[in-house]
Amino acid sequence: MNTPETTQKVSLGCGTLILIAVIVLIFGGSSSQSRSTTTELREMKIEIQRLGNEIKVLRTALEKNRH
C-alpha cells in the first residue's frame, strides 16, 4: 500500500520558548542559582528575538526570489 509523503512542521513561537524557560526556572533550580538562571533567561530571550528577526529577513528574501 502506497501512502503519500507528508511533511509536518513544528514551530515554537518566542513566547512559548520563554514560557518553557520560566517553567524550568521555577521548578528546576535552587535559590542560589536564581541569579545565573535569570541571566541565562535574559540571554535566551535576546537570542530568540535575534533568531526571529533573522527568520523575518530570510522570509522576505525568499518571497522576493519567488516573484
PDB file of N, CA and C in Angstrom:
ATOM      1  N   MET A   1       0.838  -1.171   0.000  1.00  0.00           N
ATOM      2  CA  MET A   1       0.000   0.000   0.000  1.00  0.00           C
ATOM      3  C   MET A   1       0.887   1.239   0.000  1.00  0.00           C
ATOM      4  N   ASN A   2       0.694   2.116  -0.955  1.00  0.00           N
ATOM      5  CA  ASN A   2       1.468   3.337  -1.033  1.00  0.00           C
ATOM      6  C   ASN A   2       0.740   4.449  -0.288  1.00  0.00           C
ATOM      7  N   THR A   3       1.482   5.131   0.560  1.00  0.00           N
ATOM      8  CA  THR A   3       0.907   6.277   1.250  1.00  0.00           C
ATOM      9  C   THR A   3       1.644   7.521   0.808  1.00  0.00           C
ATOM     10  N   PRO A   4       0.924   8.617   0.612  1.00  0.00           N
ATOM     11  CA  PRO A   4       1.605   9.841   0.187  1.00  0.00           C
ATOM     12  C   PRO A   4       2.507  10.363   1.307  1.00  0.00           C
ATOM     13  N   GLU A   5       3.613  10.935   0.875  1.00  0.00           N
ATOM     14  CA  GLU A   5       4.529  11.512   1.850  1.00  0.00           C
ATOM     15  C   GLU A   5       3.911  12.779   2.424  1.00  0.00           C
ATOM     16  N   THR A   6       4.043  12.935   3.708  1.00  0.00           N
ATOM     17  CA  THR A   6       3.564  14.159   4.342  1.00  0.00           C
ATOM     18  C   THR A   6       4.708  14.795   5.097  1.00  0.00           C
ATOM     19  N   THR A   7       4.650  16.081   5.151  1.00  0.00           N
ATOM     20  CA  THR A   7       5.634  16.793   5.950  1.00  0.00           C
ATOM     21  C   THR A   7       4.886  17.514   7.049  1.00  0.00           C
ATOM     22  N   GLN A   8       5.442  17.470   8.207  1.00  0.00           N
ATOM     23  CA  GLN A   8       4.839  18.141   9.339  1.00  0.00           C
ATOM     24  C   GLN A   8       5.843  19.126   9.891  1.00  0.00           C
ATOM     25  N   LYS A   9       5.394  20.339  10.079  1.00  0.00           N
ATOM     26  CA  LYS A   9       6.262  21.365  10.629  1.00  0.00           C
ATOM     27  C   LYS A   9       5.818  21.663  12.051  1.00  0.00           C
ATOM     28  N   VAL A  10       6.786  21.769  12.917  1.00  0.00           N
ATOM     29  CA  VAL A  10       6.517  22.157  14.289  1.00  0.00           C
ATOM     30  C   VAL A  10       7.315  23.419  14.543  1.00  0.00           C
ATOM     31  N   SER A  11       6.630  24.427  14.987  1.00  0.00           N
ATOM     32  CA  SER A  11       7.353  25.651  15.295  1.00  0.00           C
ATOM     33  C   SER A  11       6.912  26.169  16.652  1.00  0.00           C
ATOM     34  N   LEU A  12       7.863  26.625  17.405  1.00  0.00           N
ATOM     35  CA  LEU A  12       7.588  27.213  18.703  1.00  0.00           C
ATOM     36  C   LEU A  12       7.827  28.708  18.598  1.00  0.00           C
ATOM     37  N   GLY A  13       6.847  29.452  19.008  1.00  0.00           N
ATOM     38  CA  GLY A  13       6.999  30.894  18.988  1.00  0.00           C
ATOM     39  C   GLY A  13       7.908  31.352  20.113  1.00  0.00           C
ATOM     40  N   CYS A  14       8.307  32.598  20.033  1.00  0.00           N
ATOM     41  CA  CYS A  14       9.180  33.170  21.061  1.00  0.00           C
ATOM     42  C   CYS A  14       8.523  33.076  22.438  1.00  0.00           C
ATOM     43  N   GLY A  15       7.240  33.363  22.496  1.00  0.00           N
ATOM     44  CA  GLY A  15       6.530  33.313  23.769  1.00  0.00           C
ATOM     45  C   GLY A  15       6.544  31.923  24.370  1.00  0.00           C
ATOM     46  N   THR A  16       6.379  30.916  23.538  1.00  0.00           N
ATOM     47  CA  THR A  16       6.383  29.531  24.015  1.00  0.00           C
ATOM     48  C   THR A  16       7.740  29.161  24.590  1.00  0.00           C
ATOM     49  N   LEU A  17       8.790  29.540  23.900  1.00  0.00           N
ATOM     50  CA  LEU A  17      10.136  29.221  24.380  1.00  0.00           C
ATOM     51  C   LEU A  17      10.443  29.950  25.687  1.00  0.00           C
ATOM     52  N   ILE A  18       9.989  31.186  25.798  1.00  0.00           N
ATOM     53  CA  ILE A  18      10.202  31.934  27.032  1.00  0.00           C
ATOM     54  C   ILE A  18       9.414  31.290  28.167  1.00  0.00           C
ATOM     55  N   LEU A  19       8.181  30.869  27.885  1.00  0.00           N
ATOM     56  CA  LEU A  19       7.364  30.207  28.905  1.00  0.00           C
ATOM     57  C   LEU A  19       8.043  28.925  29.398  1.00  0.00           C
ATOM     58  N   ILE A  20       8.594  28.149  28.494  1.00  0.00           N
ATOM     59  CA  ILE A  20       9.312  26.932  28.878  1.00  0.00           C
ATOM     60  C   ILE A  20      10.493  27.280  29.777  1.00  0.00           C
ATOM     61  N   ALA A  21      11.223  28.323  29.416  1.00  0.00           N
ATOM     62  CA  ALA A  21      12.372  28.730  30.221  1.00  0.00           C
ATOM     63  C   ALA A  21      11.936  29.173  31.613  1.00  0.00           C
ATOM     64  N   VAL A  22      10.812  29.870  31.714  1.00  0.00           N
ATOM     65  CA  VAL A  22      10.308  30.308  33.020  1.00  0.00           C
ATOM     66  C   VAL A  22       9.909  29.102  33.862  1.00  0.00           C
ATOM     67  N   ILE A  23       9.257  28.126  33.256  1.00  0.00           N
ATOM     68  CA  ILE A  23       8.866  26.923  33.991  1.00  0.00           C
ATOM     69  C   ILE A  23      10.102  26.199  34.518  1.00  0.00           C
ATOM     70  N   VAL A  24      11.125  26.094  33.683  1.00  0.00           N
ATOM     71  CA  VAL A  24      12.371  25.464  34.122  1.00  0.00           C
ATOM     72  C   VAL A  24      12.987  26.269  35.261  1.00  0.00           C
ATOM     73  N   LEU A  25      12.934  27.580  35.152  1.00  0.00           N
ATOM     74  CA  LEU A  25      13.467  28.461  36.196  1.00  0.00           C
ATOM     75  C   LEU A  25      12.751  28.215  37.518  1.00  0.00           C
ATOM     76  N   ILE A  26      11.441  28.117  37.479  1.00  0.00           N
ATOM     77  CA  ILE A  26      10.659  27.958  38.704  1.00  0.00           C
ATOM     78  C   ILE A  26      10.880  26.588  39.337  1.00  0.00           C
ATOM     79  N   PHE A  27      10.836  25.541  38.534  1.00  0.00           N
ATOM     80  CA  PHE A  27      10.859  24.197  39.083  1.00  0.00           C
ATOM     81  C   PHE A  27      12.236  23.523  39.058  1.00  0.00           C
ATOM     82  N   GLY A  28      13.189  24.081  38.349  1.00  0.00           N
ATOM     83  CA  GLY A  28      14.431  23.361  38.148  1.00  0.00           C
ATOM     84  C   GLY A  28      15.624  23.816  38.945  1.00  0.00           C
ATOM     85  N   GLY A  29      15.582  24.998  39.523  1.00  0.00           N
ATOM     86  CA  GLY A  29      16.801  25.482  40.151  1.00  0.00           C
ATOM     87  C   GLY A  29      16.614  25.798  41.620  1.00  0.00           C
ATOM     88  N   SER A  30      17.715  25.851  42.322  1.00  0.00           N
ATOM     89  CA  SER A  30      17.683  26.262  43.717  1.00  0.00           C
ATOM     90  C   SER A  30      17.799  27.775  43.788  1.00  0.00           C
ATOM     91  N   SER A  31      17.553  28.346  44.927  1.00  0.00           N
ATOM     92  CA  SER A  31      17.585  29.801  45.058  1.00  0.00           C
ATOM     93  C   SER A  31      18.983  30.366  44.829  1.00  0.00           C
ATOM     94  N   SER A  32      20.015  29.585  45.109  1.00  0.00           N
ATOM     95  CA  SER A  32      21.382  30.063  44.887  1.00  0.00           C
ATOM     96  C   SER A  32      21.704  30.182  43.403  1.00  0.00           C
ATOM     97  N   GLN A  33      20.967  29.457  42.577  1.00  0.00           N
ATOM     98  CA  GLN A  33      21.194  29.511  41.136  1.00  0.00           C
ATOM     99  C   GLN A  33      20.270  30.512  40.458  1.00  0.00           C
ATOM    100  N   SER A  34      19.444  31.180  41.225  1.00  0.00           N
ATOM    101  CA  SER A  34      18.414  32.044  40.670  1.00  0.00           C
ATOM    102  C   SER A  34      18.989  33.166  39.809  1.00  0.00           C
ATOM    103  N   ARG A  35      20.029  33.812  40.280  1.00  0.00           N
ATOM    104  CA  ARG A  35      20.608  34.939  39.521  1.00  0.00           C
ATOM    105  C   ARG A  35      21.199  34.488  38.198  1.00  0.00           C
ATOM    106  N   SER A  36      21.952  33.394  38.228  1.00  0.00           N
ATOM    107  CA  SER A  36      22.552  32.932  36.982  1.00  0.00           C
ATOM    108  C   SER A  36      21.484  32.439  36.017  1.00  0.00           C
ATOM    109  N   THR A  37      20.444  31.818  36.557  1.00  0.00           N
ATOM    110  CA  THR A  37      19.357  31.348  35.704  1.00  0.00           C
ATOM    111  C   THR A  37      18.607  32.524  35.095  1.00  0.00           C
ATOM    112  N   THR A  38      18.398  33.577  35.874  1.00  0.00           N
ATOM    113  CA  THR A  38      17.728  34.770  35.362  1.00  0.00           C
ATOM    114  C   THR A  38      18.555  35.401  34.249  1.00  0.00           C
ATOM    115  N   THR A  39      19.859  35.434  34.431  1.00  0.00           N
ATOM    116  CA  THR A  39      20.737  35.979  33.393  1.00  0.00           C
ATOM    117  C   THR A  39      20.664  35.125  32.136  1.00  0.00           C
ATOM    118  N   GLU A  40      20.682  33.821  32.311  1.00  0.00           N
ATOM    119  CA  GLU A  40      20.583  32.923  31.160  1.00  0.00           C
ATOM    120  C   GLU A  40      19.237  33.096  30.462  1.00  0.00           C
ATOM    121  N   LEU A  41      18.183  33.287  31.234  1.00  0.00           N
ATOM    122  CA  LEU A  41      16.859  33.503  30.660  1.00  0.00           C
ATOM    123  C   LEU A  41      16.833  34.771  29.814  1.00  0.00           C
ATOM    124  N   ARG A  42      17.435  35.834  30.319  1.00  0.00           N
ATOM    125  CA  ARG A  42      17.523  37.085  29.546  1.00  0.00           C
ATOM    126  C   ARG A  42      18.301  36.869  28.251  1.00  0.00           C
ATOM    127  N   GLU A  43      19.420  36.156  28.346  1.00  0.00           N
ATOM    128  CA  GLU A  43      20.237  35.886  27.169  1.00  0.00           C
ATOM    129  C   GLU A  43      19.465  35.052  26.152  1.00  0.00           C
ATOM    130  N   MET A  44      18.692  34.084  26.642  1.00  0.00           N
ATOM    131  CA  MET A  44      17.878  33.263  25.746  1.00  0.00           C
ATOM    132  C   MET A  44      16.824  34.124  25.049  1.00  0.00           C
ATOM    133  N   LYS A  45      16.212  35.012  25.775  1.00  0.00           N
ATOM    134  CA  LYS A  45      15.186  35.890  25.204  1.00  0.00           C
ATOM    135  C   LYS A  45      15.789  36.751  24.088  1.00  0.00           C
ATOM    136  N   ILE A  46      16.953  37.303  24.339  1.00  0.00           N
ATOM    137  CA  ILE A  46      17.633  38.119  23.327  1.00  0.00           C
ATOM    138  C   ILE A  46      17.956  37.281  22.095  1.00  0.00           C
ATOM    139  N   GLU A  47      18.447  36.080  22.308  1.00  0.00           N
ATOM    140  CA  GLU A  47      18.793  35.198  21.185  1.00  0.00           C
ATOM    141  C   GLU A  47      17.545  34.791  20.406  1.00  0.00           C
ATOM    142  N   ILE A  48      16.454  34.518  21.107  1.00  0.00           N
ATOM    143  CA  ILE A  48      15.201  34.165  20.437  1.00  0.00           C
ATOM    144  C   ILE A  48      14.714  35.328  19.581  1.00  0.00           C
ATOM    145  N   GLN A  49      14.797  36.534  20.104  1.00  0.00           N
ATOM    146  CA  GLN A  49      14.399  37.707  19.328  1.00  0.00           C
ATOM    147  C   GLN A  49      15.284  37.886  18.100  1.00  0.00           C
ATOM    148  N   ARG A  50      16.593  37.668  18.273  1.00  0.00           N
ATOM    149  CA  ARG A  50      17.522  37.791  17.142  1.00  0.00           C
ATOM    150  C   ARG A  50      17.187  36.762  16.068  1.00  0.00           C
ATOM    151  N   LEU A  51      16.927  35.527  16.493  1.00  0.00           N
ATOM    152  CA  LEU A  51      16.587  34.486  15.527  1.00  0.00           C
ATOM    153  C   LEU A  51      15.263  34.784  14.830  1.00  0.00           C
ATOM    154  N   GLY A  52      14.297  35.316  15.573  1.00  0.00           N
ATOM    155  CA  GLY A  52      13.026  35.700  14.967  1.00  0.00           C
ATOM    156  C   GLY A  52      13.223  36.757  13.901  1.00  0.00           C
ATOM    157  N   ASN A  53      14.061  37.741  14.178  1.00  0.00           N
ATOM    158  CA  ASN A  53      14.351  38.783  13.197  1.00  0.00           C
ATOM    159  C   ASN A  53      15.057  38.214  11.977  1.00  0.00           C
ATOM    160  N   GLU A  54      15.973  37.287  12.215  1.00  0.00           N
ATOM    161  CA  GLU A  54      16.690  36.663  11.104  1.00  0.00           C
ATOM    162  C   GLU A  54      15.726  35.867  10.220  1.00  0.00           C
ATOM    163  N   ILE A  55      14.778  35.185  10.834  1.00  0.00           N
ATOM    164  CA  ILE A  55      13.776  34.439  10.073  1.00  0.00           C
ATOM    165  C   ILE A  55      12.944  35.388   9.219  1.00  0.00           C
ATOM    166  N   LYS A  56      12.571  36.531   9.778  1.00  0.00           N
ATOM    167  CA  LYS A  56      11.797  37.511   9.008  1.00  0.00           C
ATOM    168  C   LYS A  56      12.573  37.977   7.784  1.00  0.00           C
ATOM    169  N   VAL A  57      13.854  38.236   7.963  1.00  0.00           N
ATOM    170  CA  VAL A  57      14.699  38.686   6.850  1.00  0.00           C
ATOM    171  C   VAL A  57      14.777  37.598   5.784  1.00  0.00           C
ATOM    172  N   LEU A  58      14.966  36.361   6.215  1.00  0.00           N
ATOM    173  CA  LEU A  58      15.056  35.256   5.258  1.00  0.00           C
ATOM    174  C   LEU A  58      13.736  35.039   4.521  1.00  0.00           C
ATOM    175  N   ARG A  59      12.612  35.166   5.234  1.00  0.00           N
ATOM    176  CA  ARG A  59      11.308  35.032   4.579  1.00  0.00           C
ATOM    177  C   ARG A  59      11.103  36.122   3.532  1.00  0.00           C
ATOM    178  N   THR A  60      11.495  37.340   3.866  1.00  0.00           N
ATOM    179  CA  THR A  60      11.367  38.448   2.928  1.00  0.00           C
ATOM    180  C   THR A  60      12.211  38.183   1.682  1.00  0.00           C
ATOM    181  N   ALA A  61      13.437  37.729   1.869  1.00  0.00           N
ATOM    182  CA  ALA A  61      14.308  37.425   0.733  1.00  0.00           C
ATOM    183  C   ALA A  61      13.728  36.299  -0.103  1.00  0.00           C
ATOM    184  N   LEU A  62      13.162  35.291   0.550  1.00  0.00           N
ATOM    185  CA  LEU A  62      12.562  34.159  -0.158  1.00  0.00           C
ATOM    186  C   LEU A  62      11.365  34.616  -0.990  1.00  0.00           C
ATOM    187  N   GLU A  63      10.532  35.452  -0.410  1.00  0.00           N
ATOM    188  CA  GLU A  63       9.369  35.962  -1.133  1.00  0.00           C
ATOM    189  C   GLU A  63       9.794  36.790  -2.348  1.00  0.00           C
ATOM    190  N   LYS A  64      10.849  37.595  -2.204  1.00  0.00           N
ATOM    191  CA  LYS A  64      11.349  38.394  -3.327  1.00  0.00           C
ATOM    192  C   LYS A  64      11.851  37.495  -4.445  1.00  0.00           C
ATOM    193  N   ASN A  65      12.491  36.387  -4.089  1.00  0.00           N
ATOM    194  CA  ASN A  65      13.017  35.464  -5.103  1.00  0.00           C
ATOM    195  C   ASN A  65      11.920  34.702  -5.814  1.00  0.00           C
ATOM    196  N   ARG A  66      10.774  34.526  -5.176  1.00  0.00           N
ATOM    197  CA  ARG A  66       9.663  33.804  -5.791  1.00  0.00           C
ATOM    198  C   ARG A  66       8.973  34.632  -6.868  1.00  0.00           C
ATOM    199  N   HIS A  67       9.059  35.937  -6.762  1.00  0.00           N
ATOM    200  CA  HIS A  67       8.330  36.799  -7.716  1.00  0.00           C
ATOM    201  C   HIS A  67       9.185  37.166  -8.872  1.00  0.00           C
TER     202      HIS A  67
END
